Every structure is written in structure tokens, then in C-alpha cells.
Amino acid sequence: MDHVKIIISSIDQADTDILVALLSEMGYDGFEEINGCLLAYIGRESFDESLVEALRETHNFSYTIEVVPAQNWNALWESNFQPVIIDGFCTVRAHFHDIEVNTPYDIIITPKMSFGTGHHATTVLMMQAMKNLDLKDKEIIDFGSGTGILAILAEMLGAASIKAIDNDEWCTENALENVVRNNCHKISVQTGSLELVQDNRVDVILANINRHILVHYLPMMHQVIKDDGLLLMSGLLVDDREIMVKAGIEAGFEFVSGSEHNGWIALQFKKTVFH
């Protein structure tokens, strides 16, 4: 499948973060920042320039458009994919990286178009938060799993079973490859949304998506999570914090904590049962 690449220039970092969030909601599934420009990728059949024009009018940027043939996508990622290291915890790298790994956990991600190579602030936030969770023998759902990176880390941290769910078939295909590459055996990968597992009961849901989807599915996530279970979510900007904390409490969760990185946040909630 061919992709369209939008090269956005004349923007500052704050607007870049906002545009990434807005474009993600429009279906853009790959982002890079190079030489002060934001590069955003979307499947050619999903591209609608009128939506980009509407964004340009409200955020005052310049842009150009290029078509990226499908066969060039892997080469594009490989040329820009650098290892991500969370000191003392986890390394995320591609199979072609020949580096010395000095962290307890080493995740190998095939750099395709799926979201979740560890470079984006939201993925970093999720992984850092997982470092402090007790996932041993827990049942987990990775909702909006992308490359499967969080599901893979969850298995490495001792989870008993992980259901990785994404509504993009390319993502689930990529996640399956990465599950095999990392020698994981407790992860099942499915194409679809949370309705696929709404009758399950799990200890933890990991959800790195975007605000609108998270708000929509908060009641169902509350239903799926066991009593005293945890919800860890990101894909959220700093300005989303108040809205999401309020929505989480209204859905029946107790707010536990939040963290911030480069204008993005991760929030942790608990399904507390009051007697």
C-alpha cells in the first residue's frame, strides 16, 4: 500500500505535539521530526487534503506532499530508526542494530509502519510506568497495541497472559512478527477493538491511543478490569489531563498518578471497590 507523506514546516515544538495528536485522530500512523520539520504518514486511500488545509488554517504552517511507494517504507524506517534506551530498565532496538545492551530487558522491534517503536513520548511514558507495576502472573490487555511493544514488555515483566488488540490489520501483522522475534509465548494478537474482549476480566489494561477513543471506552474498560485492577493510559497531551481525570472518575475509577514527558502525559487509574 502506498503512503502519503506530509512534510510540515514553520512550526514550533508545542504545535508539533498538538499536530501529532490531531493527525493521529485522522488516521496518520507514522511520524518523524527531521531538521525542524514534522513528517506525517497516512495510507494513500485515506488521505484527505482538505483536512490538512483545515489544520493549516488554524495552526499556521506550511506543507508539501509526497507519495511513498509501499516497497520503500521499510527502508525509510531503517534509515531513521535509532535504538531507544530507558536507563536501567529497557532497550528497544531493531534487528540490524549491533549494540551492547546494558539493560535487564531487550526488545527487538521490526521497524514497519505500526505505531510503537519506543521513540514517541507516549510509548516512553507507558514503559516507564510499567517499570513500577507488579505485572507478575497478571492478565493484561494491550488496547491499541501497534507494534506490540507494550505487550512484549508485559510478558518480559512476568505477565501470565496478554491480549494485544489493534483495529489496523497491518499493526496486528507487525505485532505478530515482533512477538515471534522476541520469543514471546503468552501474547495473543487480534484485529479489532475492545468489544472483542468485553466479556473478559483482566488485572491491567494498557491503552496508548488518543483521548477520544479513551473517553469512549472508559466505561467498558471499567467493566473489563477486575476489582482493584489498574488502567494505564497515554496518547494524551498535558492539556488533556483535567478532562481525562474527570472522565476516569466518572467511569468509576480512582485516579492514582500521572507523569509527563515532552508535552505528553500518562495517567494511572485503579478500579477501587468501596465496601
C-alpha atoms as a PDB file:
ATOM      1  CA  MET A   1       0.000   0.000   0.000  1.00  0.00           C
ATOM      2  CA  ASP A   2       1.344   3.411  -0.988  1.00  0.00           C
ATOM      3  CA  HIS A   3       1.511   6.126   1.651  1.00  0.00           C
ATOM      4  CA  VAL A   4       1.266   9.881   1.505  1.00  0.00           C
ATOM      5  CA  LYS A   5       3.917  11.841   3.376  1.00  0.00           C
ATOM      6  CA  ILE A   6       3.050  15.331   4.591  1.00  0.00           C
ATOM      7  CA  ILE A   7       6.104  17.488   5.303  1.00  0.00           C
ATOM      8  CA  ILE A   8       5.052  20.241   7.706  1.00  0.00           C
ATOM      9  CA  SER A   9       7.394  23.173   8.299  1.00  0.00           C
ATOM     10  CA  SER A  10       7.385  26.524  10.110  1.00  0.00           C
ATOM     11  CA  ILE A  11       6.091  25.125  13.414  1.00  0.00           C
ATOM     12  CA  ASP A  12       7.395  25.172  16.975  1.00  0.00           C
ATOM     13  CA  GLN A  13       7.633  22.190  19.342  1.00  0.00           C
ATOM     14  CA  ALA A  14       4.353  22.919  21.138  1.00  0.00           C
ATOM     15  CA  ASP A  15       2.445  22.978  17.841  1.00  0.00           C
ATOM     16  CA  THR A  16       4.272  19.849  16.705  1.00  0.00           C
ATOM     17  CA  ASP A  17       2.951  17.880  19.676  1.00  0.00           C
ATOM     18  CA  ILE A  18      -0.571  19.147  19.095  1.00  0.00           C
ATOM     19  CA  LEU A  19      -0.434  18.347  15.376  1.00  0.00           C
ATOM     20  CA  VAL A  20       0.783  14.795  16.071  1.00  0.00           C
ATOM     21  CA  ALA A  21      -2.241  14.250  18.322  1.00  0.00           C
ATOM     22  CA  LEU A  22      -4.688  15.748  15.815  1.00  0.00           C
ATOM     23  CA  LEU A  23      -3.222  13.917  12.824  1.00  0.00           C
ATOM     24  CA  SER A  24      -3.262  10.639  14.764  1.00  0.00           C
ATOM     25  CA  GLU A  25      -7.001  11.043  15.182  1.00  0.00           C
ATOM     26  CA  MET A  26      -7.289  11.491  11.404  1.00  0.00           C
ATOM     27  CA  GLY A  27      -5.565   8.151  10.777  1.00  0.00           C
ATOM     28  CA  TYR A  28      -1.935   9.205  10.324  1.00  0.00           C
ATOM     29  CA  ASP A  29       0.114   6.305  11.664  1.00  0.00           C
ATOM     30  CA  GLY A  30       3.755   7.312  11.396  1.00  0.00           C
ATOM     31  CA  PHE A  31       5.622  10.456  12.450  1.00  0.00           C
ATOM     32  CA  GLU A  32       9.189  11.741  12.285  1.00  0.00           C
ATOM     33  CA  GLU A  33      10.845  15.009  13.230  1.00  0.00           C
ATOM     34  CA  ILE A  34      13.737  15.898  10.933  1.00  0.00           C
ATOM     35  CA  ASN A  35      15.527  19.238  10.574  1.00  0.00           C
ATOM     36  CA  GLY A  36      12.738  21.160  12.244  1.00  0.00           C
ATOM     37  CA  CYS A  37      10.009  19.595  10.113  1.00  0.00           C
ATOM     38  CA  LEU A  38       7.250  17.175  11.077  1.00  0.00           C
ATOM     39  CA  LEU A  39       6.780  14.260   8.686  1.00  0.00           C
ATOM     40  CA  ALA A  40       3.387  12.522   8.929  1.00  0.00           C
ATOM     41  CA  TYR A  41       2.365   9.380   7.022  1.00  0.00           C
ATOM     42  CA  ILE A  42      -1.042   8.007   6.061  1.00  0.00           C
ATOM     43  CA  GLY A  43      -2.299   5.332   3.664  1.00  0.00           C
ATOM     44  CA  ARG A  44      -2.892   6.850   0.237  1.00  0.00           C
ATOM     45  CA  GLU A  45      -6.545   5.785   0.121  1.00  0.00           C
ATOM     46  CA  SER A  46      -7.186   7.512   3.486  1.00  0.00           C
ATOM     47  CA  PHE A  47      -5.553  10.816   2.572  1.00  0.00           C
ATOM     48  CA  ASP A  48      -7.819  13.871   2.514  1.00  0.00           C
ATOM     49  CA  GLU A  49      -6.003  17.124   1.782  1.00  0.00           C
ATOM     50  CA  SER A  50      -8.992  19.210   2.847  1.00  0.00           C
ATOM     51  CA  LEU A  51      -8.419  18.054   6.438  1.00  0.00           C
ATOM     52  CA  VAL A  52      -4.778  19.151   6.246  1.00  0.00           C
ATOM     53  CA  GLU A  53      -5.897  22.505   4.849  1.00  0.00           C
ATOM     54  CA  ALA A  54      -8.287  22.937   7.756  1.00  0.00           C
ATOM     55  CA  LEU A  55      -5.444  22.283  10.187  1.00  0.00           C
ATOM     56  CA  ARG A  56      -3.182  24.706   8.343  1.00  0.00           C
ATOM     57  CA  GLU A  57      -5.741  27.479   8.701  1.00  0.00           C
ATOM     58  CA  THR A  58      -5.918  27.060  12.480  1.00  0.00           C
ATOM     59  CA  HIS A  59      -2.220  26.307  13.163  1.00  0.00           C
ATOM     60  CA  ASN A  60      -0.483  28.433  10.509  1.00  0.00           C
ATOM     61  CA  PHE A  61       2.092  26.081   8.965  1.00  0.00           C
ATOM     62  CA  SER A  62       3.444  25.301   5.512  1.00  0.00           C
ATOM     63  CA  TYR A  63       3.427  21.815   3.999  1.00  0.00           C
ATOM     64  CA  THR A  64       4.310  19.766   0.968  1.00  0.00           C
ATOM     65  CA  ILE A  65       3.066  16.345  -0.111  1.00  0.00           C
ATOM     66  CA  GLU A  66       4.963  13.296  -1.353  1.00  0.00           C
ATOM     67  CA  VAL A  67       3.839   9.778  -2.225  1.00  0.00           C
ATOM     68  CA  VAL A  68       5.891   6.996  -0.607  1.00  0.00           C
ATOM     69  CA  PRO A  69       5.675   3.700  -2.523  1.00  0.00           C
ATOM     70  CA  ALA A  70       4.937   0.697  -0.320  1.00  0.00           C
ATOM     71  CA  GLN A  71       8.224  -1.027  -1.114  1.00  0.00           C
ATOM     72  CA  ASN A  72      10.197   1.932   0.238  1.00  0.00           C
ATOM     73  CA  TRP A  73       8.590   2.016   3.684  1.00  0.00           C
ATOM     74  CA  ASN A  74      10.917  -0.390   5.445  1.00  0.00           C
ATOM     75  CA  ALA A  75      13.991   1.312   4.014  1.00  0.00           C
ATOM     76  CA  LEU A  76      12.626   4.635   5.214  1.00  0.00           C
ATOM     77  CA  TRP A  77      12.171   3.367   8.766  1.00  0.00           C
ATOM     78  CA  GLU A  78      15.524   1.599   8.822  1.00  0.00           C
ATOM     79  CA  SER A  79      17.345   4.746   7.775  1.00  0.00           C
ATOM     80  CA  ASN A  80      15.893   6.706  10.694  1.00  0.00           C
ATOM     81  CA  PHE A  81      15.302   4.080  13.382  1.00  0.00           C
ATOM     82  CA  GLN A  82      17.665   4.582  16.314  1.00  0.00           C
ATOM     83  CA  PRO A  83      17.778   2.461  19.498  1.00  0.00           C
ATOM     84  CA  VAL A  84      15.752   3.742  22.446  1.00  0.00           C
ATOM     85  CA  ILE A  85      17.219   3.175  25.901  1.00  0.00           C
ATOM     86  CA  ILE A  86      15.368   3.700  29.167  1.00  0.00           C
ATOM     87  CA  ASP A  87      18.312   3.724  31.537  1.00  0.00           C
ATOM     88  CA  GLY A  88      18.492   0.797  33.916  1.00  0.00           C
ATOM     89  CA  PHE A  89      15.340  -0.777  32.514  1.00  0.00           C
ATOM     90  CA  CYS A  90      14.789  -1.439  28.822  1.00  0.00           C
ATOM     91  CA  THR A  91      16.369  -1.174  25.380  1.00  0.00           C
ATOM     92  CA  VAL A  92      14.253  -1.026  22.216  1.00  0.00           C
ATOM     93  CA  ARG A  93      16.140  -1.688  19.017  1.00  0.00           C
ATOM     94  CA  ALA A  94      15.800  -3.085  15.526  1.00  0.00           C
ATOM     95  CA  HIS A  95      17.272  -6.405  14.438  1.00  0.00           C
ATOM     96  CA  PHE A  96      20.002  -4.602  12.465  1.00  0.00           C
ATOM     97  CA  HIS A  97      21.303  -2.647  15.463  1.00  0.00           C
ATOM     98  CA  ASP A  98      24.616  -4.097  16.611  1.00  0.00           C
ATOM     99  CA  ILE A  99      24.896  -2.525  20.058  1.00  0.00           C
ATOM    100  CA  GLU A 100      25.821  -3.659  23.528  1.00  0.00           C
ATOM    101  CA  VAL A 101      22.671  -3.970  25.617  1.00  0.00           C
ATOM    102  CA  ASN A 102      23.119  -2.989  29.261  1.00  0.00           C
ATOM    103  CA  THR A 103      19.511  -3.102  30.447  1.00  0.00           C
ATOM    104  CA  PRO A 104      17.559  -6.002  32.004  1.00  0.00           C
ATOM    105  CA  TYR A 105      15.070  -6.045  29.131  1.00  0.00           C
ATOM    106  CA  ASP A 106      15.877  -6.018  25.429  1.00  0.00           C
ATOM    107  CA  ILE A 107      13.026  -5.635  22.920  1.00  0.00           C
ATOM    108  CA  ILE A 108      13.577  -6.060  19.188  1.00  0.00           C
ATOM    109  CA  ILE A 109      11.015  -4.283  17.006  1.00  0.00           C
ATOM    110  CA  THR A 110      10.899  -4.711  13.245  1.00  0.00           C
ATOM    111  CA  PRO A 111      10.607  -1.092  12.079  1.00  0.00           C
ATOM    112  CA  LYS A 112       7.473  -1.080   9.973  1.00  0.00           C
ATOM    113  CA  MET A 113       4.623   1.423   9.837  1.00  0.00           C
ATOM    114  CA  SER A 114       2.953   0.425  13.119  1.00  0.00           C
ATOM    115  CA  PHE A 115       2.979   2.917  15.970  1.00  0.00           C
ATOM    116  CA  GLY A 116       5.188   1.979  18.890  1.00  0.00           C
ATOM    117  CA  THR A 117       8.922   1.897  18.302  1.00  0.00           C
ATOM    118  CA  GLY A 118       9.672   3.472  21.663  1.00  0.00           C
ATOM    119  CA  HIS A 119      10.579   6.836  20.169  1.00  0.00           C
ATOM    120  CA  HIS A 120       7.360   8.677  20.863  1.00  0.00           C
ATOM    121  CA  ALA A 121       6.957  10.267  24.289  1.00  0.00           C
ATOM    122  CA  THR A 122       3.750   8.343  24.975  1.00  0.00           C
ATOM    123  CA  THR A 123       5.443   4.975  24.479  1.00  0.00           C
ATOM    124  CA  VAL A 124       8.313   6.052  26.715  1.00  0.00           C
ATOM    125  CA  LEU A 125       5.830   7.165  29.383  1.00  0.00           C
ATOM    126  CA  MET A 126       3.969   3.855  29.251  1.00  0.00           C
ATOM    127  CA  MET A 127       7.168   1.831  29.531  1.00  0.00           C
ATOM    128  CA  GLN A 128       8.486   3.933  32.400  1.00  0.00           C
ATOM    129  CA  ALA A 129       5.200   3.475  34.262  1.00  0.00           C
ATOM    130  CA  MET A 130       5.250  -0.284  33.639  1.00  0.00           C
ATOM    131  CA  LYS A 131       8.652  -0.415  35.321  1.00  0.00           C
ATOM    132  CA  ASN A 132       6.910   0.396  38.598  1.00  0.00           C
ATOM    133  CA  LEU A 133       3.976  -2.014  38.213  1.00  0.00           C
ATOM    134  CA  ASP A 134       3.808  -5.554  39.543  1.00  0.00           C
ATOM    135  CA  LEU A 135       2.747  -7.462  36.423  1.00  0.00           C
ATOM    136  CA  LYS A 136       3.878 -10.905  37.563  1.00  0.00           C
ATOM    137  CA  ASP A 137       1.177 -13.521  36.869  1.00  0.00           C
ATOM    138  CA  LYS A 138      -1.265 -10.787  35.798  1.00  0.00           C
ATOM    139  CA  GLU A 139      -3.762 -10.996  32.931  1.00  0.00           C
ATOM    140  CA  ILE A 140      -3.408  -7.984  30.666  1.00  0.00           C
ATOM    141  CA  ILE A 141      -4.982  -6.301  27.649  1.00  0.00           C
ATOM    142  CA  ASP A 142      -2.855  -4.069  25.426  1.00  0.00           C
ATOM    143  CA  PHE A 143      -5.547  -1.924  23.785  1.00  0.00           C
ATOM    144  CA  GLY A 144      -4.270  -0.225  20.627  1.00  0.00           C
ATOM    145  CA  SER A 145      -1.182  -2.411  20.604  1.00  0.00           C
ATOM    146  CA  GLY A 146       0.563  -1.129  17.448  1.00  0.00           C
ATOM    147  CA  THR A 147       3.870  -2.972  17.127  1.00  0.00           C
ATOM    148  CA  GLY A 148       3.106  -4.993  20.267  1.00  0.00           C
ATOM    149  CA  ILE A 149       5.926  -3.331  22.183  1.00  0.00           C
ATOM    150  CA  LEU A 150       3.965  -2.925  25.445  1.00  0.00           C
ATOM    151  CA  ALA A 151       2.569  -6.453  25.258  1.00  0.00           C
ATOM    152  CA  ILE A 152       6.094  -7.804  24.754  1.00  0.00           C
ATOM    153  CA  LEU A 153       7.403  -5.808  27.709  1.00  0.00           C
ATOM    154  CA  ALA A 154       4.479  -7.055  29.823  1.00  0.00           C
ATOM    155  CA  GLU A 155       5.433 -10.672  29.107  1.00  0.00           C
ATOM    156  CA  MET A 156       9.058  -9.916  29.952  1.00  0.00           C
ATOM    157  CA  LEU A 157       7.829  -8.458  33.259  1.00  0.00           C
ATOM    158  CA  GLY A 158       6.134 -11.747  34.122  1.00  0.00           C
ATOM    159  CA  ALA A 159       2.532 -11.369  32.951  1.00  0.00           C
ATOM    160  CA  ALA A 160       0.587 -14.629  32.730  1.00  0.00           C
ATOM    161  CA  SER A 161      -1.298 -13.701  29.555  1.00  0.00           C
ATOM    162  CA  ILE A 162      -1.631 -10.669  27.310  1.00  0.00           C
ATOM    163  CA  LYS A 163      -4.259  -9.912  24.679  1.00  0.00           C
ATOM    164  CA  ALA A 164      -2.909  -7.395  22.158  1.00  0.00           C
ATOM    165  CA  ILE A 165      -5.678  -5.657  20.213  1.00  0.00           C
ATOM    166  CA  ASP A 166      -5.476  -3.173  17.339  1.00  0.00           C
ATOM    167  CA  ASN A 167      -8.032  -2.215  14.697  1.00  0.00           C
ATOM    168  CA  ASP A 168      -5.381  -1.996  11.954  1.00  0.00           C
ATOM    169  CA  GLU A 169      -4.573  -5.300  10.253  1.00  0.00           C
ATOM    170  CA  TRP A 170      -1.098  -4.091   9.340  1.00  0.00           C
ATOM    171  CA  CYS A 171      -0.417  -3.407  13.018  1.00  0.00           C
ATOM    172  CA  THR A 172      -1.554  -6.852  14.096  1.00  0.00           C
ATOM    173  CA  GLU A 173       0.533  -8.455  11.355  1.00  0.00           C
ATOM    174  CA  ASN A 174       3.559  -6.473  12.523  1.00  0.00           C
ATOM    175  CA  ALA A 175       2.834  -7.268  16.192  1.00  0.00           C
ATOM    176  CA  LEU A 176       2.719 -10.984  15.415  1.00  0.00           C
ATOM    177  CA  GLU A 177       6.145 -10.736  13.772  1.00  0.00           C
ATOM    178  CA  ASN A 178       7.548  -8.900  16.777  1.00  0.00           C
ATOM    179  CA  VAL A 179       6.019 -11.394  19.228  1.00  0.00           C
ATOM    180  CA  VAL A 180       7.825 -14.209  17.418  1.00  0.00           C
ATOM    181  CA  ARG A 181      11.064 -12.240  17.118  1.00  0.00           C
ATOM    182  CA  ASN A 182      11.098 -11.648  20.893  1.00  0.00           C
ATOM    183  CA  ASN A 183      10.346 -15.306  21.646  1.00  0.00           C
ATOM    184  CA  CYS A 184       7.081 -14.483  23.423  1.00  0.00           C
ATOM    185  CA  HIS A 185       4.520 -17.233  24.077  1.00  0.00           C
ATOM    186  CA  LYS A 186       1.863 -15.599  26.266  1.00  0.00           C
ATOM    187  CA  ILE A 187       0.596 -12.961  23.829  1.00  0.00           C
ATOM    188  CA  SER A 188      -2.446 -13.366  21.597  1.00  0.00           C
ATOM    189  CA  VAL A 189      -2.856 -10.748  18.875  1.00  0.00           C
ATOM    190  CA  GLN A 190      -6.277  -9.814  17.487  1.00  0.00           C
ATOM    191  CA  THR A 191      -7.593  -7.316  14.948  1.00  0.00           C
ATOM    192  CA  GLY A 192     -10.493  -5.272  16.271  1.00  0.00           C
ATOM    193  CA  SER A 193     -11.425  -3.155  19.248  1.00  0.00           C
ATOM    194  CA  LEU A 194     -12.222  -3.670  22.915  1.00  0.00           C
ATOM    195  CA  GLU A 195     -15.564  -5.282  22.103  1.00  0.00           C
ATOM    196  CA  LEU A 196     -13.577  -8.414  21.219  1.00  0.00           C
ATOM    197  CA  VAL A 197     -12.724  -8.930  24.892  1.00  0.00           C
ATOM    198  CA  GLN A 198     -15.552  -7.179  26.707  1.00  0.00           C
ATOM    199  CA  ASP A 199     -16.540 -10.448  28.404  1.00  0.00           C
ATOM    200  CA  ASN A 200     -13.021 -10.960  29.765  1.00  0.00           C
ATOM    201  CA  ARG A 201     -11.860  -9.863  33.202  1.00  0.00           C
ATOM    202  CA  VAL A 202      -8.232  -8.761  33.462  1.00  0.00           C
ATOM    203  CA  ASP A 203      -5.895  -7.244  36.034  1.00  0.00           C
ATOM    204  CA  VAL A 204      -4.443  -4.480  33.882  1.00  0.00           C
ATOM    205  CA  ILE A 205      -5.323  -2.603  30.700  1.00  0.00           C
ATOM    206  CA  LEU A 206      -2.567  -0.767  28.843  1.00  0.00           C
ATOM    207  CA  ALA A 207      -4.070   1.786  26.443  1.00  0.00           C
ATOM    208  CA  ASN A 208      -1.882   4.117  24.403  1.00  0.00           C
ATOM    209  CA  ILE A 209      -4.352   5.514  21.871  1.00  0.00           C
ATOM    210  CA  ASN A 210      -5.902   9.006  21.871  1.00  0.00           C
ATOM    211  CA  ARG A 211      -8.238  10.994  24.068  1.00  0.00           C
ATOM    212  CA  HIS A 212     -11.462  10.491  22.132  1.00  0.00           C
ATOM    213  CA  ILE A 213     -11.142   6.717  21.937  1.00  0.00           C
ATOM    214  CA  LEU A 214     -10.094   6.502  25.576  1.00  0.00           C
ATOM    215  CA  VAL A 215     -13.069   8.566  26.750  1.00  0.00           C
ATOM    216  CA  HIS A 216     -15.442   6.468  24.648  1.00  0.00           C
ATOM    217  CA  TYR A 217     -14.140   3.179  26.041  1.00  0.00           C
ATOM    218  CA  LEU A 218     -13.644   4.156  29.701  1.00  0.00           C
ATOM    219  CA  PRO A 219     -16.939   2.532  30.817  1.00  0.00           C
ATOM    220  CA  MET A 220     -16.106  -0.707  29.002  1.00  0.00           C
ATOM    221  CA  MET A 221     -12.564  -0.702  30.366  1.00  0.00           C
ATOM    222  CA  HIS A 222     -14.017  -0.318  33.859  1.00  0.00           C
ATOM    223  CA  GLN A 223     -16.234  -3.323  33.164  1.00  0.00           C
ATOM    224  CA  VAL A 224     -13.358  -5.449  31.880  1.00  0.00           C
ATOM    225  CA  ILE A 225     -10.880  -4.662  34.660  1.00  0.00           C
ATOM    226  CA  LYS A 226     -11.105  -6.772  37.812  1.00  0.00           C
ATOM    227  CA  ASP A 227     -11.723  -5.208  41.205  1.00  0.00           C
ATOM    228  CA  ASP A 228      -8.555  -3.419  42.366  1.00  0.00           C
ATOM    229  CA  GLY A 229      -7.155  -3.742  38.831  1.00  0.00           C
ATOM    230  CA  LEU A 230      -5.260  -0.982  37.011  1.00  0.00           C
ATOM    231  CA  LEU A 231      -5.705   1.135  33.904  1.00  0.00           C
ATOM    232  CA  LEU A 232      -2.588   2.767  32.472  1.00  0.00           C
ATOM    233  CA  MET A 233      -3.160   5.052  29.519  1.00  0.00           C
ATOM    234  CA  SER A 234      -1.408   7.587  27.325  1.00  0.00           C
ATOM    235  CA  GLY A 235      -1.729   9.152  23.897  1.00  0.00           C
ATOM    236  CA  LEU A 236      -2.682  12.291  25.803  1.00  0.00           C
ATOM    237  CA  LEU A 237      -1.407  15.854  25.824  1.00  0.00           C
ATOM    238  CA  VAL A 238      -0.805  17.843  29.000  1.00  0.00           C
ATOM    239  CA  ASP A 239      -3.976  19.830  28.291  1.00  0.00           C
ATOM    240  CA  ASP A 240      -5.991  16.576  28.335  1.00  0.00           C
ATOM    241  CA  ARG A 241      -5.164  15.831  31.966  1.00  0.00           C
ATOM    242  CA  GLU A 242      -8.090  17.517  33.689  1.00  0.00           C
ATOM    243  CA  ILE A 243     -10.593  16.142  31.171  1.00  0.00           C
ATOM    244  CA  MET A 244      -9.278  12.595  31.432  1.00  0.00           C
ATOM    245  CA  VAL A 245      -9.013  12.526  35.227  1.00  0.00           C
ATOM    246  CA  LYS A 246     -12.619  13.725  35.461  1.00  0.00           C
ATOM    247  CA  ALA A 247     -13.779  11.182  32.856  1.00  0.00           C
ATOM    248  CA  GLY A 248     -11.934   8.354  34.607  1.00  0.00           C
ATOM    249  CA  ILE A 249     -13.517   9.178  37.967  1.00  0.00           C
ATOM    250  CA  GLU A 250     -16.957   9.433  36.356  1.00  0.00           C
ATOM    251  CA  ALA A 251     -16.422   5.965  34.838  1.00  0.00           C
ATOM    252  CA  GLY A 252     -15.794   4.564  38.332  1.00  0.00           C
ATOM    253  CA  PHE A 253     -12.011   4.671  38.575  1.00  0.00           C
ATOM    254  CA  GLU A 254      -9.834   6.189  41.275  1.00  0.00           C
ATOM    255  CA  PHE A 255      -7.051   8.409  39.946  1.00  0.00           C
ATOM    256  CA  VAL A 256      -3.651   7.152  41.145  1.00  0.00           C
ATOM    257  CA  SER A 257      -0.891   9.125  39.440  1.00  0.00           C
ATOM    258  CA  GLY A 258       0.322  10.865  36.316  1.00  0.00           C
ATOM    259  CA  SER A 259       3.620  11.545  34.548  1.00  0.00           C
ATOM    260  CA  GLU A 260       4.727  13.942  31.831  1.00  0.00           C
ATOM    261  CA  HIS A 261       7.304  13.925  29.029  1.00  0.00           C
ATOM    262  CA  ASN A 262       7.731  16.433  26.191  1.00  0.00           C
ATOM    263  CA  GLY A 263       4.203  17.788  26.486  1.00  0.00           C
ATOM    264  CA  TRP A 264       2.566  14.340  26.681  1.00  0.00           C
ATOM    265  CA  ILE A 265       1.182  12.547  29.739  1.00  0.00           C
ATOM    266  CA  ALA A 266       0.400   9.070  31.032  1.00  0.00           C
ATOM    267  CA  LEU A 267      -2.291   8.518  33.663  1.00  0.00           C
ATOM    268  CA  GLN A 268      -2.817   5.597  36.019  1.00  0.00           C
ATOM    269  CA  PHE A 269      -6.204   4.679  37.493  1.00  0.00           C
ATOM    270  CA  LYS A 270      -7.390   1.945  39.842  1.00  0.00           C
ATOM    271  CA  LYS A 271     -10.747   0.178  39.906  1.00  0.00           C
ATOM    272  CA  THR A 272     -11.379   0.576  43.593  1.00  0.00           C
ATOM    273  CA  VAL A 273     -14.285  -1.254  45.213  1.00  0.00           C
ATOM    274  CA  PHE A 274     -15.770   0.545  48.190  1.00  0.00           C
ATOM    275  CA  HIS A 275     -17.427  -1.623  50.800  1.00  0.00           C
END
